[in-house]
Amino acid sequence: MPPEKYTSIDYHTAGEPFRIVTDLPVALEGPDVPSKRVFAMNSPQVERIRQILCFEPRGHADMYGGFVTEPNDAGAHFGVLFWHKDGFSTACGHGTIALGIWALEHGIVTPDPSGVTDVVIDVPSGRVISRVHTDAHGAVTHVDFINVASYVISKDVAVQTARGEVTVDVSFGGAIYAQLDAASVGLSVTPENYGEIIAIGREIKWALNDSLHAQHPVDARLSGIYGTIVFEDLSTGGEVIQRNATVFADGEVDRSPCGSGTSARVATLTDRGILAAGQLLQHGSIVGSRFQAVVLEHRQVDGYSAVIPQVTGTAYQTGEHTFIVDPRDELTPGFVLR
């Protein structure tokens, strides 16, 4: 039998990988992107391809990517199913930023002569915009990720952990996140504390994942704690400056400040009166990269007082790949060690 081949174009957004795959040997069935995600989650063929492209030896435990698919309707340029080592996620801000740049750099979307091009993308949590800014020479300078409405679900939720009882806020930013102040458990968000951050993040996720705090008010497909944002406040003067490590899936750590997680933080900080109207959140990551975020508008959504967040960052292409699967390879589809 000839070897299987899968191609991808890879980017990183603020340090977090994003593997873009456009050609699959199996159709992603369903009338819209949320339905396609459910199909993918239950398809042995699609699941096997996800594992091949995400697991070692072609990927790793912190790999991330997406399958590009048809949009819900003609109002978007395309759709995407986001994936990680444990399955398919409902949202991905860093991936949306990378997809906008990919769409311009690879001729999927024609750049607007004004230097601002909206790439409209259907994702499982809704319709989002990757607003790509280019200079006079057509080079990308940055991207504004305009997310779905984001809001606080629960505040001051007590959780029992190995470090004692902690208190978290739970917010929706395309996915549902618990948020823990690192200082409350004696940590700072630095690479030296990587293992301890993973441990507390996993504890909180699984403690709350099936609770009422993790229930989406309208769409059960969006329920569950996707990740725990362990944040550190570094604000000075009138600036809101924070650094975070987002522990998502089961112990996977976002190298970027996390786009959908930043949206959840914007919702929480706005609700608590920390982030004022028009004020920027300077949001750093565990590797020192940074997003900026701001509230574009307020609206009522699903019974909650919500914000429309804009998260600004950029991405860079890191490679183009043709992955080979030898039919004799006993380690197919691969493995992960976390």
Foldseek 3Di string as FASTA:
>chain_A
DFWDKFKWWWKFFLRQIETEGEDDPDDQDDLAQLSSQVSLQVDPRNVQVLLLCDFPPNHAQQHKYWYWAAHNDPVALTEIFIAGNQGTAQDFQSNQQVVVQCCDVVVSDPDDQVQWDWHWYATNLGIKTWIFGADPVRHTDKTKTWFDWKAWQAFQDWAQDPLGIFTWTWMFLSAIETEGAQVVSPDALAPVCLVVVLRVWQRVQVRPFPPPSQADLPDRSRGGHFWYWHKYFPDDDLATEMETWIQGDRSHTGQFLIRSVVQNVQNVCVVVVNADAPGWYWYGYNNGGTKIKHFPDWDQDSNGTTTTMIIMTHMDTDDMDMDIGDPVDPQRSHDYDD
